[in-house]
Amino acid sequence: MALTPSEVALRLNSLPSDQARALTQLFEKLIDDVAAGGGSGTVTSNDITDATATGKSVLTSASAAAARTAIGAAPTTVATTAAAGLVKMAATQANSTATDVAGLVTDFNALLAKLKTAGLMA
């Protein structure tokens, strides 16, 4: 069972101080050994026996964009009126200054046209 750092801290805080100190020293040594290149050798994504092909692709991705592609995630680019991101941004519609129903219908239809042009509605 994996624990989050917060869960580890809570469990350490519940121990008597001498035990918590001993465990903390053990963790610090382990961290130092790993940072110094200690251990039994290199671990590759293929060494993780319960990793899926998708998981291995994420682990070996050369960039965040490649990792998103591996999991089929949508692009994270910002939408503009010229390029789609998660959705394509619609052109700006000015606030209505209509003084009658006909003017309001004209303004509303302009908004609908811009949403259709952006591909946000059929």
N, C-alpha and C. Protein backbone atom coordinates (compact mmCIF):
# COMPACT_ATOMS: atom_id res chain seq x y z
N MET A 1 0.84 -1.17 0.00
CA MET A 1 0.00 0.00 0.00
C MET A 1 0.90 1.24 0.00
N ALA A 2 0.73 2.09 -0.98
CA ALA A 2 1.52 3.31 -1.08
C ALA A 2 0.89 4.41 -0.23
N LEU A 3 1.73 5.19 0.39
CA LEU A 3 1.26 6.30 1.22
C LEU A 3 1.71 7.61 0.60
N THR A 4 0.90 8.63 0.77
CA THR A 4 1.30 9.97 0.34
C THR A 4 2.27 10.53 1.37
N PRO A 5 3.04 11.55 1.00
CA PRO A 5 3.94 12.17 1.99
C PRO A 5 3.19 12.66 3.23
N SER A 6 1.98 13.16 3.04
CA SER A 6 1.20 13.63 4.20
C SER A 6 0.84 12.48 5.12
N GLU A 7 0.47 11.33 4.53
CA GLU A 7 0.13 10.17 5.34
C GLU A 7 1.36 9.65 6.09
N VAL A 8 2.52 9.67 5.44
CA VAL A 8 3.76 9.25 6.11
C VAL A 8 4.04 10.18 7.29
N ALA A 9 3.89 11.48 7.08
CA ALA A 9 4.14 12.44 8.15
C ALA A 9 3.19 12.22 9.32
N LEU A 10 1.92 11.96 9.03
CA LEU A 10 0.95 11.70 10.10
C LEU A 10 1.33 10.47 10.90
N ARG A 11 1.74 9.43 10.18
CA ARG A 11 2.11 8.18 10.88
C ARG A 11 3.38 8.38 11.70
N LEU A 12 4.35 9.13 11.16
CA LEU A 12 5.57 9.39 11.92
C LEU A 12 5.26 10.19 13.18
N ASN A 13 4.34 11.16 13.05
CA ASN A 13 3.99 11.98 14.21
C ASN A 13 3.28 11.18 15.29
N SER A 14 2.68 10.06 14.92
CA SER A 14 1.97 9.25 15.91
C SER A 14 2.90 8.29 16.66
N LEU A 15 4.14 8.16 16.20
CA LEU A 15 5.10 7.26 16.85
C LEU A 15 5.79 7.96 18.01
N PRO A 16 6.29 7.18 18.95
CA PRO A 16 7.14 7.78 20.00
C PRO A 16 8.33 8.47 19.32
N SER A 17 8.83 9.52 19.92
CA SER A 17 9.85 10.35 19.28
C SER A 17 11.11 9.58 18.87
N ASP A 18 11.54 8.61 19.70
CA ASP A 18 12.76 7.87 19.35
C ASP A 18 12.54 7.00 18.11
N GLN A 19 11.36 6.41 17.97
CA GLN A 19 11.07 5.61 16.79
C GLN A 19 10.94 6.50 15.54
N ALA A 20 10.28 7.63 15.69
CA ALA A 20 10.12 8.56 14.57
C ALA A 20 11.48 9.06 14.11
N ARG A 21 12.37 9.35 15.08
CA ARG A 21 13.71 9.83 14.75
C ARG A 21 14.49 8.75 14.00
N ALA A 22 14.38 7.51 14.45
CA ALA A 22 15.09 6.40 13.80
C ALA A 22 14.58 6.19 12.38
N LEU A 23 13.26 6.24 12.19
CA LEU A 23 12.70 6.08 10.85
C LEU A 23 13.09 7.25 9.94
N THR A 24 13.08 8.44 10.49
CA THR A 24 13.47 9.61 9.70
C THR A 24 14.92 9.49 9.24
N GLN A 25 15.80 9.05 10.14
CA GLN A 25 17.20 8.85 9.77
C GLN A 25 17.34 7.77 8.70
N LEU A 26 16.55 6.71 8.80
CA LEU A 26 16.58 5.65 7.80
C LEU A 26 16.13 6.19 6.44
N PHE A 27 15.04 6.97 6.42
CA PHE A 27 14.56 7.55 5.16
C PHE A 27 15.61 8.50 4.57
N GLU A 28 16.24 9.31 5.40
CA GLU A 28 17.27 10.23 4.91
C GLU A 28 18.43 9.48 4.29
N LYS A 29 18.84 8.37 4.91
CA LYS A 29 19.92 7.55 4.36
C LYS A 29 19.50 6.95 3.03
N LEU A 30 18.28 6.45 2.97
CA LEU A 30 17.77 5.87 1.73
C LEU A 30 17.75 6.93 0.62
N ILE A 31 17.27 8.11 0.93
CA ILE A 31 17.23 9.19 -0.05
C ILE A 31 18.64 9.56 -0.51
N ASP A 32 19.58 9.65 0.43
CA ASP A 32 20.97 9.96 0.08
C ASP A 32 21.56 8.87 -0.82
N ASP A 33 21.29 7.60 -0.50
CA ASP A 33 21.80 6.49 -1.31
C ASP A 33 21.26 6.53 -2.73
N VAL A 34 19.96 6.79 -2.84
CA VAL A 34 19.35 6.86 -4.17
C VAL A 34 19.92 8.05 -4.93
N ALA A 35 20.04 9.20 -4.28
CA ALA A 35 20.58 10.39 -4.94
C ALA A 35 22.02 10.18 -5.38
N ALA A 36 22.77 9.37 -4.64
CA ALA A 36 24.17 9.11 -4.97
C ALA A 36 24.32 8.01 -6.01
N GLY A 37 23.19 7.49 -6.50
CA GLY A 37 23.26 6.44 -7.51
C GLY A 37 23.37 5.05 -6.92
N GLY A 38 23.07 4.94 -5.63
CA GLY A 38 23.15 3.63 -4.99
C GLY A 38 22.02 2.74 -5.45
N GLY A 39 22.03 1.55 -5.01
CA GLY A 39 21.00 0.60 -5.40
C GLY A 39 21.56 -0.49 -6.28
N SER A 40 20.68 -1.31 -6.80
CA SER A 40 21.15 -2.48 -7.54
C SER A 40 21.23 -2.27 -9.04
N GLY A 41 20.97 -1.07 -9.54
CA GLY A 41 21.11 -0.84 -10.97
C GLY A 41 19.99 -0.01 -11.54
N THR A 42 19.95 0.01 -12.86
CA THR A 42 18.97 0.81 -13.56
C THR A 42 17.63 0.09 -13.65
N VAL A 43 16.57 0.84 -13.46
CA VAL A 43 15.23 0.30 -13.61
C VAL A 43 14.63 0.97 -14.84
N THR A 44 14.13 0.16 -15.77
CA THR A 44 13.48 0.70 -16.96
C THR A 44 11.98 0.46 -16.87
N SER A 45 11.25 1.08 -17.78
CA SER A 45 9.80 0.88 -17.78
C SER A 45 9.45 -0.58 -18.01
N ASN A 46 10.27 -1.32 -18.70
CA ASN A 46 10.01 -2.73 -18.94
C ASN A 46 10.16 -3.57 -17.67
N ASP A 47 10.86 -3.04 -16.66
CA ASP A 47 11.02 -3.75 -15.39
C ASP A 47 9.76 -3.67 -14.52
N ILE A 48 8.86 -2.78 -14.86
CA ILE A 48 7.63 -2.62 -14.08
C ILE A 48 6.63 -3.62 -14.64
N THR A 49 6.48 -4.73 -13.95
CA THR A 49 5.73 -5.86 -14.50
C THR A 49 4.23 -5.62 -14.60
N ASP A 50 3.67 -4.72 -13.80
CA ASP A 50 2.23 -4.50 -13.89
C ASP A 50 1.88 -3.21 -14.63
N ALA A 51 2.85 -2.63 -15.35
CA ALA A 51 2.58 -1.43 -16.13
C ALA A 51 1.94 -1.82 -17.46
N THR A 52 0.94 -1.06 -17.86
CA THR A 52 0.30 -1.29 -19.16
C THR A 52 1.17 -0.69 -20.26
N ALA A 53 0.86 -1.02 -21.49
CA ALA A 53 1.59 -0.43 -22.62
C ALA A 53 1.45 1.09 -22.61
N THR A 54 0.25 1.56 -22.28
CA THR A 54 0.03 3.01 -22.21
C THR A 54 0.87 3.62 -21.10
N GLY A 55 0.90 2.98 -19.95
CA GLY A 55 1.71 3.48 -18.83
C GLY A 55 3.18 3.55 -19.19
N LYS A 56 3.68 2.53 -19.87
CA LYS A 56 5.08 2.52 -20.29
C LYS A 56 5.34 3.63 -21.30
N SER A 57 4.37 3.89 -22.18
CA SER A 57 4.52 4.98 -23.15
C SER A 57 4.62 6.33 -22.44
N VAL A 58 3.82 6.50 -21.39
CA VAL A 58 3.88 7.75 -20.62
C VAL A 58 5.24 7.87 -19.94
N LEU A 59 5.72 6.78 -19.34
CA LEU A 59 7.01 6.80 -18.64
C LEU A 59 8.18 7.12 -19.56
N THR A 60 8.09 6.69 -20.81
CA THR A 60 9.21 6.87 -21.73
C THR A 60 9.00 8.05 -22.69
N SER A 61 7.94 8.81 -22.49
CA SER A 61 7.66 9.96 -23.36
C SER A 61 8.77 11.00 -23.25
N ALA A 62 9.13 11.56 -24.40
CA ALA A 62 10.19 12.55 -24.43
C ALA A 62 9.71 13.93 -24.00
N SER A 63 8.41 14.14 -23.97
CA SER A 63 7.89 15.46 -23.59
C SER A 63 6.49 15.30 -23.02
N ALA A 64 6.00 16.39 -22.43
CA ALA A 64 4.64 16.38 -21.89
C ALA A 64 3.63 16.19 -23.02
N ALA A 65 3.90 16.80 -24.16
CA ALA A 65 2.99 16.65 -25.31
C ALA A 65 2.92 15.20 -25.75
N ALA A 66 4.06 14.50 -25.76
CA ALA A 66 4.09 13.10 -26.16
C ALA A 66 3.34 12.24 -25.13
N ALA A 67 3.44 12.59 -23.86
CA ALA A 67 2.71 11.85 -22.82
C ALA A 67 1.21 12.04 -22.99
N ARG A 68 0.79 13.27 -23.30
CA ARG A 68 -0.64 13.52 -23.53
C ARG A 68 -1.12 12.73 -24.73
N THR A 69 -0.31 12.65 -25.78
CA THR A 69 -0.67 11.87 -26.96
C THR A 69 -0.80 10.40 -26.59
N ALA A 70 0.10 9.90 -25.75
CA ALA A 70 0.08 8.49 -25.36
C ALA A 70 -1.22 8.11 -24.66
N ILE A 71 -1.79 9.03 -23.89
CA ILE A 71 -3.03 8.71 -23.18
C ILE A 71 -4.27 9.23 -23.91
N GLY A 72 -4.05 9.83 -25.09
CA GLY A 72 -5.19 10.30 -25.87
C GLY A 72 -5.82 11.55 -25.31
N ALA A 73 -5.05 12.35 -24.59
CA ALA A 73 -5.58 13.57 -23.99
C ALA A 73 -5.73 14.67 -25.03
N ALA A 74 -6.67 15.54 -24.79
CA ALA A 74 -6.90 16.67 -25.67
C ALA A 74 -5.72 17.63 -25.60
N PRO A 75 -5.51 18.40 -26.64
CA PRO A 75 -4.41 19.39 -26.60
C PRO A 75 -4.67 20.42 -25.52
N THR A 76 -3.61 21.02 -25.04
CA THR A 76 -3.76 22.02 -23.99
C THR A 76 -3.43 23.41 -24.49
N THR A 77 -3.40 23.58 -25.81
CA THR A 77 -3.13 24.91 -26.35
C THR A 77 -4.31 25.82 -26.10
N VAL A 78 -4.05 27.10 -26.02
CA VAL A 78 -5.09 28.09 -25.79
C VAL A 78 -5.86 28.31 -27.09
N ALA A 79 -7.17 28.34 -26.99
CA ALA A 79 -8.00 28.58 -28.16
C ALA A 79 -7.91 30.04 -28.59
N THR A 80 -7.91 30.26 -29.90
CA THR A 80 -7.99 31.60 -30.47
C THR A 80 -9.10 31.58 -31.51
N THR A 81 -9.35 32.71 -32.16
CA THR A 81 -10.36 32.72 -33.22
C THR A 81 -9.85 32.01 -34.46
N ALA A 82 -8.54 31.77 -34.56
CA ALA A 82 -7.96 31.10 -35.73
C ALA A 82 -7.61 29.64 -35.48
N ALA A 83 -7.36 29.26 -34.24
CA ALA A 83 -6.90 27.90 -33.96
C ALA A 83 -7.64 27.32 -32.77
N ALA A 84 -7.97 26.05 -32.91
CA ALA A 84 -8.66 25.37 -31.82
C ALA A 84 -7.67 24.99 -30.72
N GLY A 85 -8.11 25.05 -29.52
CA GLY A 85 -7.39 24.51 -28.38
C GLY A 85 -8.25 23.35 -27.92
N LEU A 86 -8.76 23.44 -26.71
CA LEU A 86 -9.76 22.46 -26.31
C LEU A 86 -11.04 22.72 -27.10
N VAL A 87 -11.33 23.97 -27.35
CA VAL A 87 -12.39 24.39 -28.27
C VAL A 87 -11.87 25.62 -29.01
N LYS A 88 -12.47 25.94 -30.13
CA LYS A 88 -12.06 27.15 -30.86
C LYS A 88 -12.82 28.34 -30.27
N MET A 89 -12.10 29.42 -30.04
CA MET A 89 -12.71 30.60 -29.46
C MET A 89 -13.58 31.29 -30.51
N ALA A 90 -14.76 31.67 -30.12
CA ALA A 90 -15.64 32.42 -31.02
C ALA A 90 -15.19 33.87 -31.06
N ALA A 91 -15.51 34.53 -32.17
CA ALA A 91 -15.20 35.95 -32.32
C ALA A 91 -16.01 36.74 -31.29
N THR A 92 -15.51 37.90 -30.93
CA THR A 92 -16.18 38.74 -29.94
C THR A 92 -17.51 39.26 -30.48
N GLN A 93 -18.49 39.24 -29.61
CA GLN A 93 -19.80 39.82 -29.93
C GLN A 93 -19.97 41.02 -29.03
N ALA A 94 -20.17 42.17 -29.64
CA ALA A 94 -20.35 43.41 -28.86
C ALA A 94 -21.62 43.31 -28.02
N ASN A 95 -21.61 44.00 -26.91
CA ASN A 95 -22.82 44.08 -26.09
C ASN A 95 -23.94 44.70 -26.90
N SER A 96 -25.12 44.18 -26.71
CA SER A 96 -26.27 44.70 -27.45
C SER A 96 -26.65 46.08 -26.94
N THR A 97 -26.95 46.93 -27.92
CA THR A 97 -27.48 48.27 -27.59
C THR A 97 -28.86 48.42 -28.20
N ALA A 98 -29.47 47.26 -28.49
CA ALA A 98 -30.79 47.27 -29.14
C ALA A 98 -31.81 48.01 -28.28
N THR A 99 -32.67 48.72 -28.98
CA THR A 99 -33.74 49.46 -28.29
C THR A 99 -35.11 48.88 -28.60
N ASP A 100 -35.10 47.83 -29.46
CA ASP A 100 -36.37 47.17 -29.78
C ASP A 100 -36.10 45.69 -30.05
N VAL A 101 -37.14 44.94 -30.22
CA VAL A 101 -37.03 43.50 -30.42
C VAL A 101 -36.27 43.20 -31.71
N ALA A 102 -36.52 43.93 -32.76
CA ALA A 102 -35.85 43.68 -34.04
C ALA A 102 -34.33 43.85 -33.90
N GLY A 103 -33.91 44.86 -33.18
CA GLY A 103 -32.48 45.08 -32.96
C GLY A 103 -31.87 43.96 -32.12
N LEU A 104 -32.61 43.50 -31.12
CA LEU A 104 -32.14 42.41 -30.28
C LEU A 104 -32.02 41.12 -31.08
N VAL A 105 -32.98 40.87 -31.98
CA VAL A 105 -32.92 39.69 -32.84
C VAL A 105 -31.69 39.75 -33.73
N THR A 106 -31.39 40.91 -34.26
CA THR A 106 -30.20 41.09 -35.11
C THR A 106 -28.93 40.80 -34.32
N ASP A 107 -28.83 41.34 -33.12
CA ASP A 107 -27.65 41.10 -32.28
C ASP A 107 -27.53 39.62 -31.90
N PHE A 108 -28.64 38.99 -31.55
CA PHE A 108 -28.63 37.58 -31.16
C PHE A 108 -28.23 36.70 -32.35
N ASN A 109 -28.75 37.01 -33.53
CA ASN A 109 -28.39 36.24 -34.71
C ASN A 109 -26.90 36.40 -35.06
N ALA A 110 -26.34 37.57 -34.79
CA ALA A 110 -24.90 37.78 -35.01
C ALA A 110 -24.09 36.89 -34.07
N LEU A 111 -24.54 36.79 -32.83
CA LEU A 111 -23.87 35.90 -31.86
C LEU A 111 -23.96 34.45 -32.31
N LEU A 112 -25.14 34.01 -32.74
CA LEU A 112 -25.30 32.65 -33.22
C LEU A 112 -24.38 32.37 -34.40
N ALA A 113 -24.27 33.31 -35.31
CA ALA A 113 -23.40 33.13 -36.48
C ALA A 113 -21.95 32.96 -36.06
N LYS A 114 -21.51 33.72 -35.10
CA LYS A 114 -20.12 33.61 -34.62
C LYS A 114 -19.87 32.27 -33.92
N LEU A 115 -20.84 31.79 -33.17
CA LEU A 115 -20.70 30.47 -32.53
C LEU A 115 -20.64 29.37 -33.57
N LYS A 116 -21.43 29.49 -34.61
CA LYS A 116 -21.41 28.50 -35.70
C LYS A 116 -20.10 28.55 -36.46
N THR A 117 -19.61 29.73 -36.75
CA THR A 117 -18.34 29.88 -37.46
C THR A 117 -17.18 29.26 -36.66
N ALA A 118 -17.23 29.40 -35.34
CA ALA A 118 -16.19 28.83 -34.47
C ALA A 118 -16.35 27.33 -34.32
N GLY A 119 -17.45 26.77 -34.81
CA GLY A 119 -17.67 25.33 -34.70
C GLY A 119 -18.22 24.90 -33.36
N LEU A 120 -18.74 25.85 -32.59
CA LEU A 120 -19.28 25.54 -31.27
C LEU A 120 -20.72 25.06 -31.33
N MET A 121 -21.36 25.28 -32.46
CA MET A 121 -22.70 24.74 -32.66
C MET A 121 -22.90 24.51 -34.15
N ALA A 122 -23.81 23.60 -34.46
CA ALA A 122 -24.04 23.23 -35.87
C ALA A 122 -24.94 24.25 -36.53
